[in-house]
Amino acid sequence: MTERYVSKSDAIAARLLGGEMMIMSAADSTFFTLDAVATLIWQAADGHTPLSQIAAKISKEYDVDQDQAERDAEEFVSELSKHGILLISDAPVIKTGPTTPDRT
């Protein structure tokens, strides 16, 4: 399987409130509230951590089979990428220029 890397879009607004990550797409105003596992993926989506490594952390922290964690992480990332909230790449992502930090 080809390694995939995930990064957050600059076209979002995100904030951690009461332990839940709230994300809104500036492109289509889609709003998401993330559970603990999805928040872990979101917070690790730095563009240079492989998705398999993020899934390994999920597997260890939540006592889930590694293959299942990878499938679930891939599905989640794919869904948010359809809304332009997460960006997926086959190579590490290097961002240049100013970025707006999410408030996590």
PDB file of N, CA and C in Angstrom:
ATOM      1  N   MET A   1       0.847  -1.174   0.000  1.00  0.00           N
ATOM      2  CA  MET A   1       0.000   0.000   0.000  1.00  0.00           C
ATOM      3  C   MET A   1       0.897   1.243   0.000  1.00  0.00           C
ATOM      4  N   THR A   2       0.549   2.205  -0.820  1.00  0.00           N
ATOM      5  CA  THR A   2       1.276   3.461  -0.882  1.00  0.00           C
ATOM      6  C   THR A   2       1.005   4.271   0.378  1.00  0.00           C
ATOM      7  N   GLU A   3       2.073   4.821   0.930  1.00  0.00           N
ATOM      8  CA  GLU A   3       1.917   5.651   2.130  1.00  0.00           C
ATOM      9  C   GLU A   3       1.198   6.933   1.756  1.00  0.00           C
ATOM     10  N   ARG A   4       0.325   7.390   2.647  1.00  0.00           N
ATOM     11  CA  ARG A   4      -0.434   8.624   2.407  1.00  0.00           C
ATOM     12  C   ARG A   4      -0.186   9.576   3.566  1.00  0.00           C
ATOM     13  N   TYR A   5      -0.224  10.841   3.232  1.00  0.00           N
ATOM     14  CA  TYR A   5       0.008  11.909   4.205  1.00  0.00           C
ATOM     15  C   TYR A   5      -1.197  12.835   4.185  1.00  0.00           C
ATOM     16  N   VAL A   6      -1.553  13.336   5.352  1.00  0.00           N
ATOM     17  CA  VAL A   6      -2.757  14.143   5.484  1.00  0.00           C
ATOM     18  C   VAL A   6      -2.396  15.482   6.109  1.00  0.00           C
ATOM     19  N   SER A   7      -2.965  16.541   5.542  1.00  0.00           N
ATOM     20  CA  SER A   7      -2.773  17.870   6.121  1.00  0.00           C
ATOM     21  C   SER A   7      -4.109  18.595   6.165  1.00  0.00           C
ATOM     22  N   LYS A   8      -4.186  19.578   7.041  1.00  0.00           N
ATOM     23  CA  LYS A   8      -5.401  20.373   7.181  1.00  0.00           C
ATOM     24  C   LYS A   8      -5.434  21.440   6.093  1.00  0.00           C
ATOM     25  N   SER A   9      -6.601  21.677   5.577  1.00  0.00           N
ATOM     26  CA  SER A   9      -6.795  22.744   4.597  1.00  0.00           C
ATOM     27  C   SER A   9      -6.688  24.092   5.294  1.00  0.00           C
ATOM     28  N   ASP A  10      -6.297  25.107   4.539  1.00  0.00           N
ATOM     29  CA  ASP A  10      -6.296  26.469   5.079  1.00  0.00           C
ATOM     30  C   ASP A  10      -7.692  27.091   5.014  1.00  0.00           C
ATOM     31  N   ALA A  11      -8.613  26.425   4.312  1.00  0.00           N
ATOM     32  CA  ALA A  11      -9.964  26.969   4.110  1.00  0.00           C
ATOM     33  C   ALA A  11     -10.952  26.391   5.121  1.00  0.00           C
ATOM     34  N   ILE A  12     -10.555  26.387   6.391  1.00  0.00           N
ATOM     35  CA  ILE A  12     -11.417  25.845   7.448  1.00  0.00           C
ATOM     36  C   ILE A  12     -11.344  26.731   8.678  1.00  0.00           C
ATOM     37  N   ALA A  13     -12.304  26.538   9.533  1.00  0.00           N
ATOM     38  CA  ALA A  13     -12.266  27.113  10.879  1.00  0.00           C
ATOM     39  C   ALA A  13     -12.411  25.935  11.824  1.00  0.00           C
ATOM     40  N   ALA A  14     -11.556  25.869  12.837  1.00  0.00           N
ATOM     41  CA  ALA A  14     -11.596  24.734  13.766  1.00  0.00           C
ATOM     42  C   ALA A  14     -11.348  25.215  15.185  1.00  0.00           C
ATOM     43  N   ARG A  15     -12.032  24.559  16.119  1.00  0.00           N
ATOM     44  CA  ARG A  15     -11.851  24.894  17.532  1.00  0.00           C
ATOM     45  C   ARG A  15     -12.194  23.676  18.372  1.00  0.00           C
ATOM     46  N   LEU A  16     -11.404  23.472  19.414  1.00  0.00           N
ATOM     47  CA  LEU A  16     -11.659  22.407  20.374  1.00  0.00           C
ATOM     48  C   LEU A  16     -12.498  22.987  21.501  1.00  0.00           C
ATOM     49  N   LEU A  17     -13.704  22.455  21.669  1.00  0.00           N
ATOM     50  CA  LEU A  17     -14.628  22.933  22.706  1.00  0.00           C
ATOM     51  C   LEU A  17     -15.131  21.752  23.516  1.00  0.00           C
ATOM     52  N   GLY A  18     -14.893  21.788  24.804  1.00  0.00           N
ATOM     53  CA  GLY A  18     -15.388  20.730  25.679  1.00  0.00           C
ATOM     54  C   GLY A  18     -14.939  19.347  25.272  1.00  0.00           C
ATOM     55  N   GLY A  19     -13.730  19.227  24.753  1.00  0.00           N
ATOM     56  CA  GLY A  19     -13.214  17.929  24.349  1.00  0.00           C
ATOM     57  C   GLY A  19     -13.639  17.470  22.969  1.00  0.00           C
ATOM     58  N   GLU A  20     -14.450  18.269  22.265  1.00  0.00           N
ATOM     59  CA  GLU A  20     -14.874  17.920  20.912  1.00  0.00           C
ATOM     60  C   GLU A  20     -14.303  18.929  19.934  1.00  0.00           C
ATOM     61  N   MET A  21     -13.784  18.437  18.811  1.00  0.00           N
ATOM     62  CA  MET A  21     -13.270  19.300  17.764  1.00  0.00           C
ATOM     63  C   MET A  21     -14.420  19.675  16.833  1.00  0.00           C
ATOM     64  N   MET A  22     -14.583  20.963  16.634  1.00  0.00           N
ATOM     65  CA  MET A  22     -15.607  21.485  15.723  1.00  0.00           C
ATOM     66  C   MET A  22     -14.886  22.056  14.515  1.00  0.00           C
ATOM     67  N   ILE A  23     -15.311  21.649  13.315  1.00  0.00           N
ATOM     68  CA  ILE A  23     -14.657  22.095  12.088  1.00  0.00           C
ATOM     69  C   ILE A  23     -15.712  22.546  11.093  1.00  0.00           C
ATOM     70  N   MET A  24     -15.451  23.675  10.446  1.00  0.00           N
ATOM     71  CA  MET A  24     -16.343  24.159   9.394  1.00  0.00           C
ATOM     72  C   MET A  24     -15.518  24.446   8.145  1.00  0.00           C
ATOM     73  N   SER A  25     -16.027  23.987   7.018  1.00  0.00           N
ATOM     74  CA  SER A  25     -15.397  24.247   5.732  1.00  0.00           C
ATOM     75  C   SER A  25     -15.822  25.627   5.236  1.00  0.00           C
ATOM     76  N   ALA A  26     -14.857  26.451   4.886  1.00  0.00           N
ATOM     77  CA  ALA A  26     -15.159  27.768   4.314  1.00  0.00           C
ATOM     78  C   ALA A  26     -15.685  27.620   2.890  1.00  0.00           C
ATOM     79  N   ALA A  27     -15.354  26.515   2.240  1.00  0.00           N
ATOM     80  CA  ALA A  27     -15.765  26.299   0.855  1.00  0.00           C
ATOM     81  C   ALA A  27     -17.260  26.029   0.713  1.00  0.00           C
ATOM     82  N   ASP A  28     -17.809  25.155   1.587  1.00  0.00           N
ATOM     83  CA  ASP A  28     -19.224  24.797   1.435  1.00  0.00           C
ATOM     84  C   ASP A  28     -20.018  24.880   2.743  1.00  0.00           C
ATOM     85  N   SER A  29     -19.431  25.479   3.769  1.00  0.00           N
ATOM     86  CA  SER A  29     -20.063  25.664   5.079  1.00  0.00           C
ATOM     87  C   SER A  29     -20.472  24.353   5.750  1.00  0.00           C
ATOM     88  N   THR A  30     -19.865  23.250   5.347  1.00  0.00           N
ATOM     89  CA  THR A  30     -20.125  21.972   5.987  1.00  0.00           C
ATOM     90  C   THR A  30     -19.523  22.005   7.387  1.00  0.00           C
ATOM     91  N   PHE A  31     -20.273  21.523   8.371  1.00  0.00           N
ATOM     92  CA  PHE A  31     -19.851  21.563   9.762  1.00  0.00           C
ATOM     93  C   PHE A  31     -19.709  20.133  10.284  1.00  0.00           C
ATOM     94  N   PHE A  32     -18.609  19.867  10.964  1.00  0.00           N
ATOM     95  CA  PHE A  32     -18.354  18.554  11.540  1.00  0.00           C
ATOM     96  C   PHE A  32     -18.020  18.698  13.013  1.00  0.00           C
ATOM     97  N   THR A  33     -18.530  17.776  13.822  1.00  0.00           N
ATOM     98  CA  THR A  33     -18.122  17.627  15.209  1.00  0.00           C
ATOM     99  C   THR A  33     -17.429  16.274  15.290  1.00  0.00           C
ATOM    100  N   LEU A  34     -16.175  16.275  15.724  1.00  0.00           N
ATOM    101  CA  LEU A  34     -15.382  15.057  15.714  1.00  0.00           C
ATOM    102  C   LEU A  34     -15.365  14.373  17.074  1.00  0.00           C
ATOM    103  N   ASP A  35     -15.439  13.048  17.051  1.00  0.00           N
ATOM    104  CA  ASP A  35     -15.290  12.280  18.288  1.00  0.00           C
ATOM    105  C   ASP A  35     -13.802  12.197  18.645  1.00  0.00           C
ATOM    106  N   ALA A  36     -13.479  11.471  19.692  1.00  0.00           N
ATOM    107  CA  ALA A  36     -12.099  11.413  20.190  1.00  0.00           C
ATOM    108  C   ALA A  36     -11.126  10.840  19.163  1.00  0.00           C
ATOM    109  N   VAL A  37     -11.508   9.778  18.477  1.00  0.00           N
ATOM    110  CA  VAL A  37     -10.619   9.161  17.494  1.00  0.00           C
ATOM    111  C   VAL A  37     -10.422  10.095  16.299  1.00  0.00           C
ATOM    112  N   ALA A  38     -11.501  10.672  15.807  1.00  0.00           N
ATOM    113  CA  ALA A  38     -11.405  11.606  14.683  1.00  0.00           C
ATOM    114  C   ALA A  38     -10.584  12.830  15.073  1.00  0.00           C
ATOM    115  N   THR A  39     -10.720  13.298  16.313  1.00  0.00           N
ATOM    116  CA  THR A  39      -9.928  14.433  16.789  1.00  0.00           C
ATOM    117  C   THR A  39      -8.451  14.069  16.820  1.00  0.00           C
ATOM    118  N   LEU A  40      -8.123  12.846  17.214  1.00  0.00           N
ATOM    119  CA  LEU A  40      -6.733  12.396  17.200  1.00  0.00           C
ATOM    120  C   LEU A  40      -6.177  12.461  15.779  1.00  0.00           C
ATOM    121  N   ILE A  41      -6.949  11.987  14.800  1.00  0.00           N
ATOM    122  CA  ILE A  41      -6.517  12.043  13.403  1.00  0.00           C
ATOM    123  C   ILE A  41      -6.339  13.497  12.976  1.00  0.00           C
ATOM    124  N   TRP A  42      -7.319  14.336  13.298  1.00  0.00           N
ATOM    125  CA  TRP A  42      -7.270  15.752  12.940  1.00  0.00           C
ATOM    126  C   TRP A  42      -6.015  16.423  13.494  1.00  0.00           C
ATOM    127  N   GLN A  43      -5.748  16.200  14.756  1.00  0.00           N
ATOM    128  CA  GLN A  43      -4.611  16.842  15.389  1.00  0.00           C
ATOM    129  C   GLN A  43      -3.278  16.326  14.842  1.00  0.00           C
ATOM    130  N   ALA A  44      -3.248  15.093  14.363  1.00  0.00           N
ATOM    131  CA  ALA A  44      -2.019  14.518  13.810  1.00  0.00           C
ATOM    132  C   ALA A  44      -1.830  14.842  12.324  1.00  0.00           C
ATOM    133  N   ALA A  45      -2.831  15.436  11.699  1.00  0.00           N
ATOM    134  CA  ALA A  45      -2.781  15.731  10.256  1.00  0.00           C
ATOM    135  C   ALA A  45      -1.872  16.925   9.990  1.00  0.00           C
ATOM    136  N   ASP A  46      -0.571  16.673  10.076  1.00  0.00           N
ATOM    137  CA  ASP A  46       0.412  17.744   9.937  1.00  0.00           C
ATOM    138  C   ASP A  46       1.094  17.759   8.575  1.00  0.00           C
ATOM    139  N   GLY A  47       0.744  16.811   7.710  1.00  0.00           N
ATOM    140  CA  GLY A  47       1.316  16.754   6.372  1.00  0.00           C
ATOM    141  C   GLY A  47       2.599  15.948   6.268  1.00  0.00           C
ATOM    142  N   HIS A  48       3.221  15.632   7.385  1.00  0.00           N
ATOM    143  CA  HIS A  48       4.439  14.822   7.303  1.00  0.00           C
ATOM    144  C   HIS A  48       4.386  13.541   8.133  1.00  0.00           C
ATOM    145  N   THR A  49       3.320  13.324   8.883  1.00  0.00           N
ATOM    146  CA  THR A  49       3.139  12.065   9.602  1.00  0.00           C
ATOM    147  C   THR A  49       2.322  11.127   8.714  1.00  0.00           C
ATOM    148  N   PRO A  50       2.868   9.961   8.366  1.00  0.00           N
ATOM    149  CA  PRO A  50       2.117   9.029   7.517  1.00  0.00           C
ATOM    150  C   PRO A  50       0.813   8.583   8.197  1.00  0.00           C
ATOM    151  N   LEU A  51      -0.212   8.379   7.384  1.00  0.00           N
ATOM    152  CA  LEU A  51      -1.508   7.949   7.910  1.00  0.00           C
ATOM    153  C   LEU A  51      -1.377   6.610   8.638  1.00  0.00           C
ATOM    154  N   SER A  52      -0.491   5.738   8.172  1.00  0.00           N
ATOM    155  CA  SER A  52      -0.300   4.446   8.846  1.00  0.00           C
ATOM    156  C   SER A  52       0.233   4.646  10.268  1.00  0.00           C
ATOM    157  N   GLN A  53       1.057   5.649  10.467  1.00  0.00           N
ATOM    158  CA  GLN A  53       1.584   5.945  11.807  1.00  0.00           C
ATOM    159  C   GLN A  53       0.482   6.500  12.706  1.00  0.00           C
ATOM    160  N   ILE A  54      -0.390   7.315  12.134  1.00  0.00           N
ATOM    161  CA  ILE A  54      -1.540   7.840  12.893  1.00  0.00           C
ATOM    162  C   ILE A  54      -2.450   6.675  13.288  1.00  0.00           C
ATOM    163  N   ALA A  55      -2.689   5.752  12.352  1.00  0.00           N
ATOM    164  CA  ALA A  55      -3.524   4.576  12.633  1.00  0.00           C
ATOM    165  C   ALA A  55      -2.889   3.700  13.710  1.00  0.00           C
ATOM    166  N   ALA A  56      -1.567   3.595  13.707  1.00  0.00           N
ATOM    167  CA  ALA A  56      -0.879   2.801  14.736  1.00  0.00           C
ATOM    168  C   ALA A  56      -1.115   3.402  16.117  1.00  0.00           C
ATOM    169  N   LYS A  57      -1.121   4.718  16.194  1.00  0.00           N
ATOM    170  CA  LYS A  57      -1.398   5.384  17.468  1.00  0.00           C
ATOM    171  C   LYS A  57      -2.831   5.099  17.921  1.00  0.00           C
ATOM    172  N   ILE A  58      -3.768   5.131  16.989  1.00  0.00           N
ATOM    173  CA  ILE A  58      -5.168   4.818  17.293  1.00  0.00           C
ATOM    174  C   ILE A  58      -5.272   3.376  17.786  1.00  0.00           C
ATOM    175  N   SER A  59      -4.609   2.473  17.069  1.00  0.00           N
ATOM    176  CA  SER A  59      -4.636   1.054  17.422  1.00  0.00           C
ATOM    177  C   SER A  59      -4.154   0.838  18.848  1.00  0.00           C
ATOM    178  N   LYS A  60      -3.065   1.486  19.197  1.00  0.00           N
ATOM    179  CA  LYS A  60      -2.489   1.322  20.533  1.00  0.00           C
ATOM    180  C   LYS A  60      -3.354   1.984  21.604  1.00  0.00           C
ATOM    181  N   GLU A  61      -3.776   3.219  21.339  1.00  0.00           N
ATOM    182  CA  GLU A  61      -4.506   3.983  22.348  1.00  0.00           C
ATOM    183  C   GLU A  61      -5.917   3.456  22.598  1.00  0.00           C
ATOM    184  N   TYR A  62      -6.551   2.902  21.553  1.00  0.00           N
ATOM    185  CA  TYR A  62      -7.941   2.457  21.683  1.00  0.00           C
ATOM    186  C   TYR A  62      -8.090   0.942  21.584  1.00  0.00           C
ATOM    187  N   ASP A  63      -6.962   0.204  21.601  1.00  0.00           N
ATOM    188  CA  ASP A  63      -6.978  -1.253  21.555  1.00  0.00           C
ATOM    189  C   ASP A  63      -7.828  -1.773  20.395  1.00  0.00           C
ATOM    190  N   VAL A  64      -7.480  -1.280  19.191  1.00  0.00           N
ATOM    191  CA  VAL A  64      -8.162  -1.662  17.956  1.00  0.00           C
ATOM    192  C   VAL A  64      -7.134  -2.340  17.059  1.00  0.00           C
ATOM    193  N   ASP A  65      -7.570  -3.329  16.303  1.00  0.00           N
ATOM    194  CA  ASP A  65      -6.705  -3.995  15.345  1.00  0.00           C
ATOM    195  C   ASP A  65      -6.093  -2.967  14.382  1.00  0.00           C
ATOM    196  N   GLN A  66      -4.796  -3.071  14.103  1.00  0.00           N
ATOM    197  CA  GLN A  66      -4.083  -2.120  13.240  1.00  0.00           C
ATOM    198  C   GLN A  66      -4.737  -1.994  11.860  1.00  0.00           C
ATOM    199  N   ASP A  67      -5.090  -3.122  11.248  1.00  0.00           N
ATOM    200  CA  ASP A  67      -5.714  -3.076   9.920  1.00  0.00           C
ATOM    201  C   ASP A  67      -7.053  -2.344   9.965  1.00  0.00           C
ATOM    202  N   GLN A  68      -7.836  -2.606  11.008  1.00  0.00           N
ATOM    203  CA  GLN A  68      -9.124  -1.921  11.152  1.00  0.00           C
ATOM    204  C   GLN A  68      -8.915  -0.424  11.371  1.00  0.00           C
ATOM    205  N   ALA A  69      -7.943  -0.066  12.192  1.00  0.00           N
ATOM    206  CA  ALA A  69      -7.645   1.349  12.439  1.00  0.00           C
ATOM    207  C   ALA A  69      -7.239   2.049  11.145  1.00  0.00           C
ATOM    208  N   GLU A  70      -6.440   1.376  10.315  1.00  0.00           N
ATOM    209  CA  GLU A  70      -6.031   1.960   9.034  1.00  0.00           C
ATOM    210  C   GLU A  70      -7.220   2.143   8.104  1.00  0.00           C
ATOM    211  N   ARG A  71      -8.094   1.144   8.021  1.00  0.00           N
ATOM    212  CA  ARG A  71      -9.281   1.262   7.157  1.00  0.00           C
ATOM    213  C   ARG A  71     -10.180   2.399   7.626  1.00  0.00           C
ATOM    214  N   ASP A  72     -10.418   2.467   8.933  1.00  0.00           N
ATOM    215  CA  ASP A  72     -11.290   3.514   9.474  1.00  0.00           C
ATOM    216  C   ASP A  72     -10.679   4.900   9.289  1.00  0.00           C
ATOM    217  N   ALA A  73      -9.374   5.032   9.510  1.00  0.00           N
ATOM    218  CA  ALA A  73      -8.701   6.322   9.329  1.00  0.00           C
ATOM    219  C   ALA A  73      -8.767   6.747   7.870  1.00  0.00           C
ATOM    220  N   GLU A  74      -8.543   5.800   6.967  1.00  0.00           N
ATOM    221  CA  GLU A  74      -8.609   6.092   5.526  1.00  0.00           C
ATOM    222  C   GLU A  74     -10.008   6.568   5.134  1.00  0.00           C
ATOM    223  N   GLU A  75     -11.029   5.903   5.654  1.00  0.00           N
ATOM    224  CA  GLU A  75     -12.410   6.280   5.345  1.00  0.00           C
ATOM    225  C   GLU A  75     -12.720   7.688   5.872  1.00  0.00           C
ATOM    226  N   PHE A  76     -12.309   7.973   7.096  1.00  0.00           N
ATOM    227  CA  PHE A  76     -12.543   9.287   7.693  1.00  0.00           C
ATOM    228  C   PHE A  76     -11.838  10.382   6.895  1.00  0.00           C
ATOM    229  N   VAL A  77     -10.569  10.161   6.592  1.00  0.00           N
ATOM    230  CA  VAL A  77      -9.773  11.142   5.857  1.00  0.00           C
ATOM    231  C   VAL A  77     -10.369  11.369   4.461  1.00  0.00           C
ATOM    232  N   SER A  78     -10.784  10.307   3.820  1.00  0.00           N
ATOM    233  CA  SER A  78     -11.396  10.413   2.497  1.00  0.00           C
ATOM    234  C   SER A  78     -12.668  11.256   2.541  1.00  0.00           C
ATOM    235  N   GLU A  79     -13.492  11.035   3.558  1.00  0.00           N
ATOM    236  CA  GLU A  79     -14.744  11.793   3.693  1.00  0.00           C
ATOM    237  C   GLU A  79     -14.466  13.288   3.884  1.00  0.00           C
ATOM    238  N   LEU A  80     -13.533  13.628   4.771  1.00  0.00           N
ATOM    239  CA  LEU A  80     -13.245  15.046   4.992  1.00  0.00           C
ATOM    240  C   LEU A  80     -12.538  15.682   3.797  1.00  0.00           C
ATOM    241  N   SER A  81     -11.802  14.886   3.038  1.00  0.00           N
ATOM    242  CA  SER A  81     -11.145  15.447   1.853  1.00  0.00           C
ATOM    243  C   SER A  81     -12.174  15.812   0.776  1.00  0.00           C
ATOM    244  N   LYS A  82     -13.305  15.104   0.738  1.00  0.00           N
ATOM    245  CA  LYS A  82     -14.366  15.436  -0.221  1.00  0.00           C
ATOM    246  C   LYS A  82     -14.931  16.833   0.029  1.00  0.00           C
ATOM    247  N   HIS A  83     -14.817  17.305   1.263  1.00  0.00           N
ATOM    248  CA  HIS A  83     -15.306  18.637   1.625  1.00  0.00           C
ATOM    249  C   HIS A  83     -14.180  19.671   1.644  1.00  0.00           C
ATOM    250  N   GLY A  84     -12.981  19.245   1.259  1.00  0.00           N
ATOM    251  CA  GLY A  84     -11.852  20.161   1.220  1.00  0.00           C
ATOM    252  C   GLY A  84     -11.301  20.516   2.595  1.00  0.00           C
ATOM    253  N   ILE A  85     -11.649  19.726   3.604  1.00  0.00           N
ATOM    254  CA  ILE A  85     -11.212  20.002   4.973  1.00  0.00           C
ATOM    255  C   ILE A  85      -9.837  19.396   5.241  1.00  0.00           C
ATOM    256  N   LEU A  86      -9.625  18.187   4.751  1.00  0.00           N
ATOM    257  CA  LEU A  86      -8.316  17.552   4.815  1.00  0.00           C
ATOM    258  C   LEU A  86      -7.795  17.356   3.401  1.00  0.00           C
ATOM    259  N   LEU A  87      -6.488  17.441   3.259  1.00  0.00           N
ATOM    260  CA  LEU A  87      -5.833  17.242   1.976  1.00  0.00           C
ATOM    261  C   LEU A  87      -4.997  15.979   2.063  1.00  0.00           C
ATOM    262  N   ILE A  88      -5.051  15.137   1.038  1.00  0.00           N
ATOM    263  CA  ILE A  88      -4.344  13.865   1.020  1.00  0.00           C
ATOM    264  C   ILE A  88      -3.262  13.919  -0.057  1.00  0.00           C
ATOM    265  N   SER A  89      -2.084  13.396   0.299  1.00  0.00           N
ATOM    266  CA  SER A  89      -0.968  13.388  -0.634  1.00  0.00           C
ATOM    267  C   SER A  89      -0.214  12.070  -0.516  1.00  0.00           C
ATOM    268  N   ASP A  90       0.464  11.676  -1.611  1.00  0.00           N
ATOM    269  CA  ASP A  90       1.304  10.476  -1.591  1.00  0.00           C
ATOM    270  C   ASP A  90       2.722  10.797  -1.123  1.00  0.00           C
ATOM    271  N   ALA A  91       2.986  12.076  -0.857  1.00  0.00           N
ATOM    272  CA  ALA A  91       4.301  12.509  -0.373  1.00  0.00           C
ATOM    273  C   ALA A  91       4.084  13.497   0.765  1.00  0.00           C
ATOM    274  N   PRO A  92       5.067  13.639   1.639  1.00  0.00           N
ATOM    275  CA  PRO A  92       4.927  14.629   2.717  1.00  0.00           C
ATOM    276  C   PRO A  92       4.622  16.017   2.147  1.00  0.00           C
ATOM    277  N   VAL A  93       3.787  16.753   2.856  1.00  0.00           N
ATOM    278  CA  VAL A  93       3.350  18.075   2.413  1.00  0.00           C
ATOM    279  C   VAL A  93       4.190  19.134   3.102  1.00  0.00           C
ATOM    280  N   ILE A  94       4.714  20.033   2.306  1.00  0.00           N
ATOM    281  CA  ILE A  94       5.473  21.153   2.853  1.00  0.00           C
ATOM    282  C   ILE A  94       4.684  22.413   2.558  1.00  0.00           C
ATOM    283  N   LYS A  95       4.188  23.042   3.609  1.00  0.00           N
ATOM    284  CA  LYS A  95       3.413  24.267   3.446  1.00  0.00           C
ATOM    285  C   LYS A  95       4.347  25.465   3.507  1.00  0.00           C
ATOM    286  N   THR A  96       4.090  26.426   2.649  1.00  0.00           N
ATOM    287  CA  THR A  96       4.858  27.659   2.659  1.00  0.00           C
ATOM    288  C   THR A  96       3.913  28.825   2.864  1.00  0.00           C
ATOM    289  N   GLY A  97       4.429  29.908   3.371  1.00  0.00           N
ATOM    290  CA  GLY A  97       3.615  31.097   3.574  1.00  0.00           C
ATOM    291  C   GLY A  97       2.884  31.042   4.888  1.00  0.00           C
ATOM    292  N   PRO A  98       2.148  32.110   5.178  1.00  0.00           N
ATOM    293  CA  PRO A  98       1.437  32.184   6.454  1.00  0.00           C
ATOM    294  C   PRO A  98       0.283  31.192   6.510  1.00  0.00           C
ATOM    295  N   THR A  99       0.053  30.687   7.697  1.00  0.00           N
ATOM    296  CA  THR A  99      -1.086  29.792   7.912  1.00  0.00           C
ATOM    297  C   THR A  99      -1.889  30.311   9.089  1.00  0.00           C
ATOM    298  N   THR A 100      -3.135  29.976   9.100  1.00  0.00           N
ATOM    299  CA  THR A 100      -4.007  30.342  10.196  1.00  0.00           C
ATOM    300  C   THR A 100      -4.107  29.147  11.125  1.00  0.00           C
ATOM    301  N   PRO A 101      -3.633  29.252  12.351  1.00  0.00           N
ATOM    302  CA  PRO A 101      -3.680  28.084  13.231  1.00  0.00           C
ATOM    303  C   PRO A 101      -5.096  27.749  13.645  1.00  0.00           C
ATOM    304  N   ASP A 102      -5.371  26.449  13.769  1.00  0.00           N
ATOM    305  CA  ASP A 102      -6.645  26.084  14.377  1.00  0.00           C
ATOM    306  C   ASP A 102      -6.490  26.270  15.873  1.00  0.00           C
ATOM    307  N   ARG A 103      -7.524  26.445  16.544  1.00  0.00           N
ATOM    308  CA  ARG A 103      -7.463  26.756  17.973  1.00  0.00           C
ATOM    309  C   ARG A 103      -7.676  25.512  18.790  1.00  0.00           C
ATOM    310  N   THR A 104      -6.656  24.638  18.759  1.00  0.00           N
ATOM    311  CA  THR A 104      -6.752  23.373  19.491  1.00  0.00           C
ATOM    312  C   THR A 104      -5.977  23.436  20.771  1.00  0.00           C
TER     313      THR A 104
END
